[in-house]
Amino acid sequence: MRGPNGGDGPDEPGSDGPKNWPPGYSRDDAIEPTKYRIGMWVGLASILMLFVSLTSAYIVRQTSGLSDDSGQWISIKMPWELWLSTGLLLASSVTFELARRALRRNGYSRFNLLISLTTFLGVGFLAGQVMAWRHLAAQGIYLASNPHSSFFYLLTSLHAIHLIGGLVALISLTVFALRLRIGSRQRNAVEITALYWHFMDGLWIYLFLLLFFWR
């Protein structure tokens, strides 16, 4: 609404005006996350295309009759560590979402606790992955042992590499939070990193089901 002198008047009830923005926010700060979110979606689309192509290769290689040596496919037994790491990653997605909502309500203490916990759980997931790889190696199952093990190491390693990118961002946010330096840029980073982290979570569940439950 325009004021009597042509300027911006008071915000209308229920509008998303400055009164409803966090301290230090401006209209530009409220609009800026959109362009970062679009960029993130483009990046996630490219990651999705990579894993879709690998999934196609996995299914073709597994299917009997579509490959001359399909009889060499030997399904590997799922290491128990993967159940642990999967639980940790799911929990990290929950704590990240709670942290994001706490920050939106300016609950800084709660945000600091939850973002630190999310980082800890993310590190725990990667540790669980390393344990699973070591478990298989102890059984004599390596990258070149058989087609299933090759796809297992390839897909889980690629996912871990992409997850490390999200973990680096998480660690940076945790440091800023502990130093009480959460400005508009950090708020935007939280929103974008949360989108990436939830995508990595969903991607892992997909890979988990593909590798051990697809028949």
N, C-alpha and C. Protein backbone atom coordinates (compact mmCIF):
# COMPACT_ATOMS: atom_id res chain seq x y z
N MET A 1 0.85 -1.19 0.00
CA MET A 1 0.00 0.00 0.00
C MET A 1 0.88 1.23 0.00
N ARG A 2 0.57 2.27 -0.81
CA ARG A 2 1.33 3.48 -0.90
C ARG A 2 0.98 4.43 0.22
N GLY A 3 1.97 5.11 0.73
CA GLY A 3 1.75 6.08 1.79
C GLY A 3 1.26 7.39 1.21
N PRO A 4 0.97 8.38 2.07
CA PRO A 4 0.42 9.66 1.61
C PRO A 4 1.41 10.44 0.77
N ASN A 5 2.72 10.20 0.94
CA ASN A 5 3.73 10.93 0.17
C ASN A 5 4.30 10.11 -0.97
N GLY A 6 3.63 9.05 -1.34
CA GLY A 6 4.08 8.22 -2.44
C GLY A 6 5.00 7.10 -2.03
N GLY A 7 5.37 7.02 -0.77
CA GLY A 7 6.26 5.98 -0.30
C GLY A 7 5.48 4.75 0.10
N ASP A 8 6.20 3.75 0.55
CA ASP A 8 5.55 2.53 1.00
C ASP A 8 4.87 2.77 2.32
N GLY A 9 3.63 2.43 2.38
CA GLY A 9 2.88 2.59 3.61
C GLY A 9 3.01 1.39 4.50
N PRO A 10 2.26 1.32 5.58
CA PRO A 10 2.31 0.18 6.49
C PRO A 10 1.93 -1.09 5.77
N ASP A 11 2.46 -2.19 6.24
CA ASP A 11 2.14 -3.48 5.64
C ASP A 11 0.72 -3.85 5.95
N GLU A 12 0.05 -4.42 4.97
CA GLU A 12 -1.31 -4.87 5.17
C GLU A 12 -1.31 -6.10 6.06
N PRO A 13 -2.36 -6.30 6.82
CA PRO A 13 -2.43 -7.48 7.68
C PRO A 13 -2.28 -8.75 6.87
N GLY A 14 -1.45 -9.66 7.37
CA GLY A 14 -1.27 -10.95 6.71
C GLY A 14 -0.27 -10.93 5.58
N SER A 15 0.26 -9.71 5.25
CA SER A 15 1.24 -9.67 4.17
C SER A 15 2.60 -10.09 4.68
N ASP A 16 3.44 -10.52 3.73
CA ASP A 16 4.78 -10.98 4.07
C ASP A 16 5.72 -9.78 4.01
N GLY A 17 5.44 -8.76 4.77
CA GLY A 17 6.21 -7.52 4.75
C GLY A 17 7.32 -7.54 5.77
N PRO A 18 8.04 -6.39 5.88
CA PRO A 18 9.19 -6.31 6.77
C PRO A 18 8.91 -6.69 8.21
N LYS A 19 7.69 -6.47 8.69
CA LYS A 19 7.38 -6.81 10.08
C LYS A 19 7.49 -8.30 10.34
N ASN A 20 7.33 -9.10 9.26
CA ASN A 20 7.36 -10.55 9.42
C ASN A 20 8.72 -11.15 9.07
N TRP A 21 9.67 -10.31 8.62
CA TRP A 21 10.98 -10.81 8.27
C TRP A 21 11.87 -10.89 9.50
N PRO A 22 12.87 -11.80 9.48
CA PRO A 22 13.81 -11.87 10.60
C PRO A 22 14.61 -10.59 10.73
N PRO A 23 15.23 -10.34 11.88
CA PRO A 23 16.02 -9.13 12.08
C PRO A 23 17.13 -9.00 11.05
N GLY A 24 17.29 -7.80 10.49
CA GLY A 24 18.35 -7.56 9.52
C GLY A 24 17.98 -7.91 8.10
N TYR A 25 16.76 -8.41 7.87
CA TYR A 25 16.34 -8.80 6.53
C TYR A 25 15.77 -7.60 5.78
N SER A 26 15.97 -7.60 4.48
CA SER A 26 15.37 -6.60 3.61
C SER A 26 14.58 -7.32 2.53
N ARG A 27 13.91 -6.57 1.68
CA ARG A 27 13.14 -7.19 0.61
C ARG A 27 14.07 -7.96 -0.35
N ASP A 28 15.25 -7.40 -0.63
CA ASP A 28 16.20 -8.09 -1.51
C ASP A 28 16.65 -9.41 -0.89
N ASP A 29 16.85 -9.44 0.43
CA ASP A 29 17.25 -10.68 1.09
C ASP A 29 16.16 -11.74 0.97
N ALA A 30 14.91 -11.31 0.96
CA ALA A 30 13.80 -12.25 0.86
C ALA A 30 13.67 -12.83 -0.54
N ILE A 31 14.09 -12.06 -1.56
CA ILE A 31 13.97 -12.51 -2.94
C ILE A 31 15.19 -13.32 -3.38
N GLU A 32 16.36 -12.99 -2.83
CA GLU A 32 17.62 -13.59 -3.28
C GLU A 32 17.65 -15.11 -3.27
N PRO A 33 17.08 -15.81 -2.24
CA PRO A 33 17.18 -17.27 -2.23
C PRO A 33 16.60 -17.96 -3.47
N THR A 34 15.68 -17.30 -4.18
CA THR A 34 15.04 -17.93 -5.33
C THR A 34 16.06 -18.30 -6.40
N LYS A 35 16.99 -17.39 -6.70
CA LYS A 35 17.96 -17.68 -7.77
C LYS A 35 18.91 -18.80 -7.35
N TYR A 36 19.25 -18.85 -6.06
CA TYR A 36 20.10 -19.94 -5.59
C TYR A 36 19.36 -21.27 -5.63
N ARG A 37 18.07 -21.24 -5.32
CA ARG A 37 17.28 -22.45 -5.33
C ARG A 37 17.16 -23.00 -6.76
N ILE A 38 16.99 -22.11 -7.72
CA ILE A 38 16.92 -22.54 -9.11
C ILE A 38 18.24 -23.18 -9.54
N GLY A 39 19.35 -22.56 -9.16
CA GLY A 39 20.66 -23.12 -9.48
C GLY A 39 20.86 -24.48 -8.86
N MET A 40 20.39 -24.63 -7.63
CA MET A 40 20.52 -25.92 -6.94
C MET A 40 19.69 -26.99 -7.65
N TRP A 41 18.48 -26.64 -8.07
CA TRP A 41 17.64 -27.62 -8.77
C TRP A 41 18.28 -28.07 -10.08
N VAL A 42 18.95 -27.14 -10.76
CA VAL A 42 19.66 -27.51 -12.00
C VAL A 42 20.78 -28.50 -11.68
N GLY A 43 21.53 -28.22 -10.61
CA GLY A 43 22.60 -29.14 -10.20
C GLY A 43 22.06 -30.50 -9.80
N LEU A 44 20.96 -30.52 -9.07
CA LEU A 44 20.38 -31.78 -8.65
C LEU A 44 19.85 -32.58 -9.84
N ALA A 45 19.36 -31.88 -10.85
CA ALA A 45 18.87 -32.57 -12.06
C ALA A 45 20.02 -33.29 -12.75
N SER A 46 21.20 -32.67 -12.79
CA SER A 46 22.34 -33.32 -13.43
C SER A 46 22.79 -34.54 -12.64
N ILE A 47 22.75 -34.44 -11.30
CA ILE A 47 23.10 -35.58 -10.46
C ILE A 47 22.10 -36.72 -10.67
N LEU A 48 20.82 -36.36 -10.74
CA LEU A 48 19.77 -37.36 -10.97
C LEU A 48 19.97 -38.08 -12.29
N MET A 49 20.33 -37.34 -13.33
CA MET A 49 20.55 -37.95 -14.65
C MET A 49 21.71 -38.94 -14.60
N LEU A 50 22.75 -38.60 -13.84
CA LEU A 50 23.89 -39.51 -13.70
C LEU A 50 23.45 -40.84 -13.09
N PHE A 51 22.69 -40.77 -12.01
CA PHE A 51 22.29 -42.00 -11.32
C PHE A 51 21.21 -42.76 -12.09
N VAL A 52 20.39 -42.06 -12.86
CA VAL A 52 19.41 -42.75 -13.70
C VAL A 52 20.12 -43.56 -14.78
N SER A 53 21.16 -42.99 -15.38
CA SER A 53 21.91 -43.72 -16.41
C SER A 53 22.61 -44.94 -15.82
N LEU A 54 23.15 -44.79 -14.60
CA LEU A 54 23.80 -45.93 -13.95
C LEU A 54 22.77 -46.99 -13.54
N THR A 55 21.57 -46.55 -13.18
CA THR A 55 20.51 -47.50 -12.85
C THR A 55 20.14 -48.33 -14.07
N SER A 56 20.05 -47.67 -15.22
CA SER A 56 19.72 -48.40 -16.46
C SER A 56 20.78 -49.46 -16.74
N ALA A 57 22.05 -49.08 -16.58
CA ALA A 57 23.13 -50.04 -16.80
C ALA A 57 23.06 -51.19 -15.80
N TYR A 58 22.71 -50.87 -14.57
CA TYR A 58 22.59 -51.88 -13.51
C TYR A 58 21.51 -52.90 -13.85
N ILE A 59 20.34 -52.41 -14.26
CA ILE A 59 19.21 -53.29 -14.56
C ILE A 59 19.51 -54.16 -15.78
N VAL A 60 20.10 -53.55 -16.79
CA VAL A 60 20.44 -54.31 -18.00
C VAL A 60 21.47 -55.39 -17.68
N ARG A 61 22.46 -55.04 -16.89
CA ARG A 61 23.52 -56.00 -16.56
C ARG A 61 22.99 -57.13 -15.69
N GLN A 62 22.00 -56.84 -14.86
CA GLN A 62 21.46 -57.85 -13.96
C GLN A 62 20.51 -58.80 -14.66
N THR A 63 19.81 -58.29 -15.67
CA THR A 63 18.76 -59.07 -16.32
C THR A 63 19.35 -60.24 -17.10
N SER A 64 18.88 -61.41 -16.83
CA SER A 64 19.34 -62.61 -17.52
C SER A 64 18.93 -62.57 -18.99
N GLY A 65 19.87 -62.96 -19.87
CA GLY A 65 19.57 -63.01 -21.29
C GLY A 65 19.96 -61.76 -22.05
N LEU A 66 20.22 -60.65 -21.31
CA LEU A 66 20.60 -59.41 -21.97
C LEU A 66 22.11 -59.23 -22.00
N SER A 67 22.83 -60.14 -21.40
CA SER A 67 24.29 -60.07 -21.39
C SER A 67 24.84 -61.48 -21.53
N ASP A 68 25.91 -61.65 -22.30
CA ASP A 68 26.46 -62.97 -22.57
C ASP A 68 26.95 -63.67 -21.31
N ASP A 69 27.45 -62.90 -20.36
CA ASP A 69 27.98 -63.51 -19.15
C ASP A 69 27.14 -63.15 -17.93
N SER A 70 25.81 -63.07 -18.13
CA SER A 70 24.93 -62.67 -17.03
C SER A 70 24.96 -63.67 -15.89
N GLY A 71 25.40 -64.91 -16.16
CA GLY A 71 25.45 -65.90 -15.10
C GLY A 71 26.49 -65.59 -14.05
N GLN A 72 27.41 -64.67 -14.32
CA GLN A 72 28.44 -64.31 -13.36
C GLN A 72 27.91 -63.36 -12.27
N TRP A 73 26.69 -62.92 -12.44
CA TRP A 73 26.12 -62.00 -11.44
C TRP A 73 25.91 -62.76 -10.14
N ILE A 74 26.57 -62.29 -9.09
CA ILE A 74 26.45 -62.92 -7.77
C ILE A 74 26.01 -61.85 -6.78
N SER A 75 24.80 -61.99 -6.28
CA SER A 75 24.30 -60.99 -5.33
C SER A 75 25.10 -61.03 -4.04
N ILE A 76 25.51 -59.88 -3.56
CA ILE A 76 26.25 -59.81 -2.31
C ILE A 76 25.28 -59.60 -1.15
N LYS A 77 25.63 -60.14 -0.02
CA LYS A 77 24.81 -59.99 1.18
C LYS A 77 25.02 -58.60 1.76
N MET A 78 23.92 -57.95 2.11
CA MET A 78 24.01 -56.59 2.62
C MET A 78 24.73 -56.54 3.95
N PRO A 79 25.79 -55.73 4.09
CA PRO A 79 26.46 -55.57 5.38
C PRO A 79 25.51 -54.94 6.40
N TRP A 80 25.56 -55.39 7.64
CA TRP A 80 24.65 -54.85 8.66
C TRP A 80 24.92 -53.37 8.92
N GLU A 81 26.13 -52.91 8.61
CA GLU A 81 26.46 -51.50 8.85
C GLU A 81 25.60 -50.55 8.02
N LEU A 82 25.09 -51.06 6.89
CA LEU A 82 24.27 -50.20 6.05
C LEU A 82 22.94 -49.85 6.70
N TRP A 83 22.40 -50.75 7.51
CA TRP A 83 21.19 -50.42 8.27
C TRP A 83 21.46 -49.27 9.23
N LEU A 84 22.63 -49.33 9.88
CA LEU A 84 23.01 -48.26 10.82
C LEU A 84 23.20 -46.94 10.10
N SER A 85 23.95 -46.96 9.02
CA SER A 85 24.23 -45.71 8.31
C SER A 85 22.95 -45.12 7.71
N THR A 86 22.06 -45.99 7.24
CA THR A 86 20.78 -45.51 6.69
C THR A 86 19.96 -44.82 7.77
N GLY A 87 19.91 -45.41 8.95
CA GLY A 87 19.19 -44.80 10.06
C GLY A 87 19.77 -43.45 10.44
N LEU A 88 21.10 -43.34 10.42
CA LEU A 88 21.75 -42.08 10.76
C LEU A 88 21.43 -41.00 9.74
N LEU A 89 21.41 -41.37 8.45
CA LEU A 89 21.12 -40.39 7.42
C LEU A 89 19.67 -39.92 7.49
N LEU A 90 18.74 -40.84 7.74
CA LEU A 90 17.34 -40.45 7.90
C LEU A 90 17.17 -39.51 9.09
N ALA A 91 17.85 -39.83 10.19
CA ALA A 91 17.77 -38.98 11.38
C ALA A 91 18.35 -37.60 11.09
N SER A 92 19.43 -37.54 10.30
CA SER A 92 20.04 -36.25 9.99
C SER A 92 19.12 -35.37 9.16
N SER A 93 18.33 -36.00 8.29
CA SER A 93 17.38 -35.24 7.50
C SER A 93 16.30 -34.63 8.39
N VAL A 94 15.88 -35.38 9.40
CA VAL A 94 14.87 -34.88 10.34
C VAL A 94 15.44 -33.72 11.16
N THR A 95 16.64 -33.90 11.71
CA THR A 95 17.23 -32.83 12.54
C THR A 95 17.53 -31.59 11.71
N PHE A 96 17.90 -31.77 10.44
CA PHE A 96 18.16 -30.62 9.58
C PHE A 96 16.88 -29.82 9.35
N GLU A 97 15.79 -30.54 9.11
CA GLU A 97 14.51 -29.85 8.89
C GLU A 97 14.08 -29.11 10.15
N LEU A 98 14.26 -29.73 11.31
CA LEU A 98 13.93 -29.06 12.56
C LEU A 98 14.81 -27.84 12.78
N ALA A 99 16.09 -27.95 12.41
CA ALA A 99 17.01 -26.81 12.54
C ALA A 99 16.58 -25.67 11.63
N ARG A 100 16.20 -26.00 10.42
CA ARG A 100 15.76 -24.98 9.47
C ARG A 100 14.53 -24.24 9.98
N ARG A 101 13.59 -24.97 10.53
CA ARG A 101 12.38 -24.34 11.06
C ARG A 101 12.68 -23.50 12.29
N ALA A 102 13.61 -23.97 13.11
CA ALA A 102 14.00 -23.21 14.30
C ALA A 102 14.63 -21.88 13.91
N LEU A 103 15.45 -21.88 12.86
CA LEU A 103 16.08 -20.65 12.41
C LEU A 103 15.05 -19.68 11.85
N ARG A 104 14.05 -20.20 11.17
CA ARG A 104 12.99 -19.33 10.64
C ARG A 104 12.24 -18.62 11.77
N ARG A 105 12.19 -19.28 12.93
CA ARG A 105 11.53 -18.65 14.10
C ARG A 105 12.54 -17.91 14.97
N ASN A 106 13.77 -17.77 14.47
CA ASN A 106 14.84 -17.09 15.20
C ASN A 106 15.19 -17.77 16.51
N GLY A 107 15.00 -19.09 16.55
CA GLY A 107 15.40 -19.86 17.73
C GLY A 107 16.85 -20.29 17.59
N TYR A 108 17.75 -19.36 17.86
CA TYR A 108 19.17 -19.58 17.57
C TYR A 108 19.78 -20.70 18.39
N SER A 109 19.44 -20.78 19.65
CA SER A 109 20.02 -21.82 20.50
C SER A 109 19.60 -23.21 20.01
N ARG A 110 18.33 -23.35 19.68
CA ARG A 110 17.84 -24.63 19.18
C ARG A 110 18.46 -24.94 17.81
N PHE A 111 18.60 -23.92 16.98
CA PHE A 111 19.23 -24.12 15.68
C PHE A 111 20.67 -24.59 15.84
N ASN A 112 21.42 -23.95 16.73
CA ASN A 112 22.82 -24.34 16.94
C ASN A 112 22.93 -25.81 17.35
N LEU A 113 22.04 -26.24 18.24
CA LEU A 113 22.07 -27.62 18.71
C LEU A 113 21.74 -28.59 17.58
N LEU A 114 20.69 -28.28 16.82
CA LEU A 114 20.21 -29.20 15.79
C LEU A 114 21.14 -29.26 14.59
N ILE A 115 21.73 -28.12 14.21
CA ILE A 115 22.63 -28.15 13.06
C ILE A 115 23.92 -28.88 13.41
N SER A 116 24.35 -28.77 14.68
CA SER A 116 25.53 -29.52 15.12
C SER A 116 25.24 -31.01 15.13
N LEU A 117 24.04 -31.38 15.58
CA LEU A 117 23.64 -32.78 15.60
C LEU A 117 23.54 -33.34 14.18
N THR A 118 23.03 -32.53 13.26
CA THR A 118 22.93 -32.96 11.86
C THR A 118 24.30 -33.25 11.28
N THR A 119 25.25 -32.38 11.57
CA THR A 119 26.63 -32.59 11.10
C THR A 119 27.21 -33.87 11.67
N PHE A 120 26.98 -34.10 12.95
CA PHE A 120 27.48 -35.31 13.60
C PHE A 120 26.89 -36.57 12.96
N LEU A 121 25.59 -36.53 12.67
CA LEU A 121 24.93 -37.68 12.04
C LEU A 121 25.43 -37.89 10.61
N GLY A 122 25.71 -36.81 9.90
CA GLY A 122 26.25 -36.93 8.55
C GLY A 122 27.62 -37.60 8.54
N VAL A 123 28.46 -37.20 9.49
CA VAL A 123 29.77 -37.84 9.63
C VAL A 123 29.60 -39.31 9.99
N GLY A 124 28.61 -39.59 10.85
CA GLY A 124 28.33 -40.97 11.23
C GLY A 124 27.91 -41.83 10.05
N PHE A 125 27.13 -41.25 9.13
CA PHE A 125 26.72 -41.98 7.94
C PHE A 125 27.93 -42.38 7.10
N LEU A 126 28.84 -41.43 6.87
CA LEU A 126 30.03 -41.74 6.07
C LEU A 126 30.90 -42.78 6.77
N ALA A 127 30.98 -42.69 8.09
CA ALA A 127 31.74 -43.69 8.84
C ALA A 127 31.11 -45.08 8.67
N GLY A 128 29.78 -45.14 8.68
CA GLY A 128 29.08 -46.40 8.46
C GLY A 128 29.34 -46.97 7.08
N GLN A 129 29.44 -46.07 6.08
CA GLN A 129 29.74 -46.53 4.72
C GLN A 129 31.14 -47.15 4.66
N VAL A 130 32.10 -46.50 5.29
CA VAL A 130 33.47 -47.03 5.30
C VAL A 130 33.50 -48.39 5.99
N MET A 131 32.75 -48.51 7.08
CA MET A 131 32.68 -49.80 7.79
C MET A 131 32.09 -50.89 6.89
N ALA A 132 31.06 -50.53 6.11
CA ALA A 132 30.44 -51.50 5.21
C ALA A 132 31.42 -51.95 4.14
N TRP A 133 32.17 -51.00 3.58
CA TRP A 133 33.17 -51.36 2.57
C TRP A 133 34.24 -52.28 3.16
N ARG A 134 34.69 -51.97 4.37
CA ARG A 134 35.70 -52.80 5.02
C ARG A 134 35.16 -54.18 5.33
N HIS A 135 33.88 -54.24 5.68
CA HIS A 135 33.22 -55.52 5.97
C HIS A 135 33.26 -56.42 4.72
N LEU A 136 32.90 -55.85 3.59
CA LEU A 136 32.91 -56.62 2.35
C LEU A 136 34.34 -57.01 1.95
N ALA A 137 35.27 -56.09 2.14
CA ALA A 137 36.66 -56.39 1.79
C ALA A 137 37.20 -57.53 2.65
N ALA A 138 36.77 -57.58 3.91
CA ALA A 138 37.21 -58.66 4.80
C ALA A 138 36.67 -60.01 4.33
N GLN A 139 35.57 -59.99 3.59
CA GLN A 139 35.00 -61.22 3.04
C GLN A 139 35.57 -61.54 1.66
N GLY A 140 36.50 -60.73 1.20
CA GLY A 140 37.09 -60.95 -0.12
C GLY A 140 36.25 -60.43 -1.26
N ILE A 141 35.33 -59.50 -0.97
CA ILE A 141 34.47 -58.93 -2.00
C ILE A 141 34.97 -57.53 -2.32
N TYR A 142 35.47 -57.38 -3.55
CA TYR A 142 36.06 -56.11 -3.96
C TYR A 142 35.33 -55.55 -5.18
N LEU A 143 35.83 -54.44 -5.68
CA LEU A 143 35.20 -53.77 -6.82
C LEU A 143 35.06 -54.70 -8.02
N ALA A 144 36.10 -55.48 -8.32
CA ALA A 144 36.10 -56.33 -9.51
C ALA A 144 35.70 -57.77 -9.24
N SER A 145 35.16 -58.05 -8.05
CA SER A 145 34.82 -59.44 -7.72
C SER A 145 33.73 -60.00 -8.61
N ASN A 146 32.65 -59.22 -8.79
CA ASN A 146 31.56 -59.63 -9.68
C ASN A 146 30.74 -58.38 -10.02
N PRO A 147 29.85 -58.45 -11.01
CA PRO A 147 29.12 -57.25 -11.42
C PRO A 147 28.35 -56.56 -10.29
N HIS A 148 27.73 -57.35 -9.40
CA HIS A 148 26.96 -56.72 -8.32
C HIS A 148 27.86 -55.92 -7.40
N SER A 149 28.99 -56.49 -7.03
CA SER A 149 29.91 -55.76 -6.14
C SER A 149 30.46 -54.52 -6.85
N SER A 150 30.68 -54.61 -8.16
CA SER A 150 31.18 -53.45 -8.91
C SER A 150 30.18 -52.30 -8.85
N PHE A 151 28.91 -52.61 -9.10
CA PHE A 151 27.88 -51.57 -9.04
C PHE A 151 27.71 -51.06 -7.61
N PHE A 152 27.81 -51.95 -6.63
CA PHE A 152 27.67 -51.53 -5.24
C PHE A 152 28.73 -50.49 -4.88
N TYR A 153 29.98 -50.80 -5.15
CA TYR A 153 31.06 -49.87 -4.81
C TYR A 153 30.94 -48.58 -5.62
N LEU A 154 30.58 -48.70 -6.90
CA LEU A 154 30.47 -47.51 -7.74
C LEU A 154 29.36 -46.58 -7.27
N LEU A 155 28.17 -47.12 -7.07
CA LEU A 155 27.02 -46.30 -6.70
C LEU A 155 27.16 -45.70 -5.30
N THR A 156 27.60 -46.52 -4.35
CA THR A 156 27.73 -46.00 -2.98
C THR A 156 28.87 -44.99 -2.87
N SER A 157 29.94 -45.20 -3.64
CA SER A 157 31.06 -44.25 -3.61
C SER A 157 30.66 -42.91 -4.23
N LEU A 158 29.94 -42.96 -5.35
CA LEU A 158 29.48 -41.72 -5.97
C LEU A 158 28.54 -40.96 -5.05
N HIS A 159 27.66 -41.68 -4.37
CA HIS A 159 26.76 -41.02 -3.43
C HIS A 159 27.54 -40.40 -2.29
N ALA A 160 28.53 -41.12 -1.77
CA ALA A 160 29.34 -40.60 -0.66
C ALA A 160 30.10 -39.35 -1.07
N ILE A 161 30.62 -39.33 -2.30
CA ILE A 161 31.35 -38.16 -2.78
C ILE A 161 30.43 -36.95 -2.84
N HIS A 162 29.23 -37.14 -3.37
CA HIS A 162 28.27 -36.02 -3.43
C HIS A 162 27.83 -35.60 -2.03
N LEU A 163 27.70 -36.56 -1.12
CA LEU A 163 27.29 -36.23 0.23
C LEU A 163 28.37 -35.43 0.95
N ILE A 164 29.63 -35.70 0.66
CA ILE A 164 30.72 -34.96 1.29
C ILE A 164 30.59 -33.46 0.97
N GLY A 165 30.15 -33.15 -0.27
CA GLY A 165 29.92 -31.74 -0.62
C GLY A 165 28.90 -31.10 0.31
N GLY A 166 27.81 -31.82 0.58
CA GLY A 166 26.81 -31.30 1.51
C GLY A 166 27.34 -31.21 2.93
N LEU A 167 28.19 -32.16 3.30
CA LEU A 167 28.75 -32.17 4.65
C LEU A 167 29.70 -30.99 4.86
N VAL A 168 30.46 -30.63 3.83
CA VAL A 168 31.33 -29.46 3.93
C VAL A 168 30.50 -28.21 4.20
N ALA A 169 29.38 -28.08 3.48
CA ALA A 169 28.49 -26.94 3.70
C ALA A 169 27.90 -26.98 5.11
N LEU A 170 27.55 -28.17 5.58
CA LEU A 170 27.01 -28.31 6.93
C LEU A 170 28.03 -27.90 7.99
N ILE A 171 29.27 -28.33 7.81
CA ILE A 171 30.31 -27.97 8.78
C ILE A 171 30.50 -26.46 8.82
N SER A 172 30.47 -25.82 7.65
CA SER A 172 30.60 -24.36 7.61
C SER A 172 29.46 -23.68 8.35
N LEU A 173 28.23 -24.17 8.12
CA LEU A 173 27.07 -23.60 8.82
C LEU A 173 27.17 -23.81 10.32
N THR A 174 27.68 -24.97 10.72
CA THR A 174 27.83 -25.26 12.15
C THR A 174 28.82 -24.31 12.79
N VAL A 175 29.92 -24.05 12.10
CA VAL A 175 30.93 -23.11 12.63
C VAL A 175 30.33 -21.71 12.77
N PHE A 176 29.61 -21.26 11.74
CA PHE A 176 28.97 -19.95 11.82
C PHE A 176 27.97 -19.90 12.97
N ALA A 177 27.22 -20.99 13.15
CA ALA A 177 26.21 -21.02 14.21
C ALA A 177 26.86 -20.95 15.59
N LEU A 178 27.92 -21.70 15.79
CA LEU A 178 28.60 -21.72 17.09
C LEU A 178 29.28 -20.38 17.38
N ARG A 179 29.64 -19.66 16.32
CA ARG A 179 30.26 -18.33 16.49
C ARG A 179 29.21 -17.23 16.50
N LEU A 180 27.93 -17.63 16.46
CA LEU A 180 26.80 -16.69 16.51
C LEU A 180 26.86 -15.69 15.36
N ARG A 181 27.19 -16.19 14.17
CA ARG A 181 27.25 -15.33 13.00
C ARG A 181 26.30 -15.87 11.94
N ILE A 182 25.02 -15.69 12.18
CA ILE A 182 23.99 -16.15 11.25
C ILE A 182 23.30 -14.93 10.65
N GLY A 183 23.80 -14.51 9.50
CA GLY A 183 23.21 -13.40 8.78
C GLY A 183 22.34 -13.88 7.64
N SER A 184 22.01 -12.96 6.73
CA SER A 184 21.12 -13.33 5.62
C SER A 184 21.77 -14.37 4.71
N ARG A 185 23.10 -14.26 4.49
CA ARG A 185 23.77 -15.23 3.63
C ARG A 185 23.73 -16.63 4.24
N GLN A 186 23.94 -16.70 5.53
CA GLN A 186 23.90 -18.01 6.19
C GLN A 186 22.49 -18.58 6.18
N ARG A 187 21.50 -17.74 6.32
CA ARG A 187 20.10 -18.21 6.26
C ARG A 187 19.81 -18.79 4.87
N ASN A 188 20.26 -18.08 3.84
CA ASN A 188 20.07 -18.60 2.48
C ASN A 188 20.81 -19.93 2.29
N ALA A 189 22.02 -20.00 2.85
CA ALA A 189 22.81 -21.23 2.74
C ALA A 189 22.12 -22.39 3.43
N VAL A 190 21.46 -22.13 4.55
CA VAL A 190 20.73 -23.18 5.26
C VAL A 190 19.62 -23.73 4.38
N GLU A 191 18.87 -22.85 3.74
CA GLU A 191 17.76 -23.29 2.89
C GLU A 191 18.25 -24.13 1.71
N ILE A 192 19.33 -23.68 1.06
CA ILE A 192 19.84 -24.38 -0.10
C ILE A 192 20.49 -25.71 0.30
N THR A 193 21.25 -25.69 1.39
CA THR A 193 21.90 -26.92 1.85
C THR A 193 20.87 -27.94 2.30
N ALA A 194 19.78 -27.48 2.92
CA ALA A 194 18.72 -28.40 3.34
C ALA A 194 18.11 -29.10 2.13
N LEU A 195 17.90 -28.35 1.06
CA LEU A 195 17.36 -28.94 -0.18
C LEU A 195 18.31 -30.02 -0.70
N TYR A 196 19.58 -29.72 -0.73
CA TYR A 196 20.58 -30.68 -1.22
C TYR A 196 20.64 -31.90 -0.31
N TRP A 197 20.62 -31.67 1.00
CA TRP A 197 20.75 -32.78 1.95
C TRP A 197 19.55 -33.72 1.88
N HIS A 198 18.36 -33.17 1.77
CA HIS A 198 17.16 -34.01 1.66
C HIS A 198 17.19 -34.81 0.35
N PHE A 199 17.72 -34.20 -0.70
CA PHE A 199 17.85 -34.92 -1.97
C PHE A 199 18.81 -36.09 -1.82
N MET A 200 19.93 -35.87 -1.17
CA MET A 200 20.90 -36.93 -0.94
C MET A 200 20.30 -38.06 -0.08
N ASP A 201 19.48 -37.69 0.85
CA ASP A 201 18.79 -38.67 1.69
C ASP A 201 17.87 -39.55 0.85
N GLY A 202 17.04 -38.90 0.03
CA GLY A 202 16.14 -39.66 -0.84
C GLY A 202 16.89 -40.50 -1.85
N LEU A 203 17.99 -39.98 -2.36
CA LEU A 203 18.80 -40.73 -3.33
C LEU A 203 19.39 -41.98 -2.68
N TRP A 204 19.82 -41.86 -1.44
CA TRP A 204 20.39 -43.03 -0.77
C TRP A 204 19.33 -44.12 -0.55
N ILE A 205 18.14 -43.73 -0.15
CA ILE A 205 17.07 -44.72 0.05
C ILE A 205 16.80 -45.45 -1.27
N TYR A 206 16.80 -44.70 -2.35
CA TYR A 206 16.60 -45.30 -3.67
C TYR A 206 17.70 -46.31 -3.99
N LEU A 207 18.96 -45.93 -3.76
CA LEU A 207 20.08 -46.82 -4.04
C LEU A 207 20.05 -48.05 -3.13
N PHE A 208 19.68 -47.84 -1.89
CA PHE A 208 19.59 -48.92 -0.91
C PHE A 208 18.59 -49.98 -1.39
N LEU A 209 17.43 -49.53 -1.84
CA LEU A 209 16.41 -50.45 -2.33
C LEU A 209 16.84 -51.11 -3.65
N LEU A 210 17.47 -50.33 -4.51
CA LEU A 210 17.90 -50.87 -5.80
C LEU A 210 18.94 -51.97 -5.64
N LEU A 211 19.92 -51.74 -4.78
CA LEU A 211 21.04 -52.66 -4.65
C LEU A 211 20.70 -53.96 -3.93
N PHE A 212 19.71 -53.89 -3.01
CA PHE A 212 19.48 -55.08 -2.18
C PHE A 212 18.06 -55.62 -2.22
N PHE A 213 17.14 -54.91 -2.84
CA PHE A 213 15.75 -55.39 -2.86
C PHE A 213 15.18 -55.50 -4.27
N TRP A 214 15.90 -54.93 -5.28
CA TRP A 214 15.43 -55.05 -6.65
C TRP A 214 15.76 -56.44 -7.18
N ARG A 215 14.78 -57.09 -7.72
CA ARG A 215 14.97 -58.42 -8.32
C ARG A 215 14.34 -58.46 -9.70
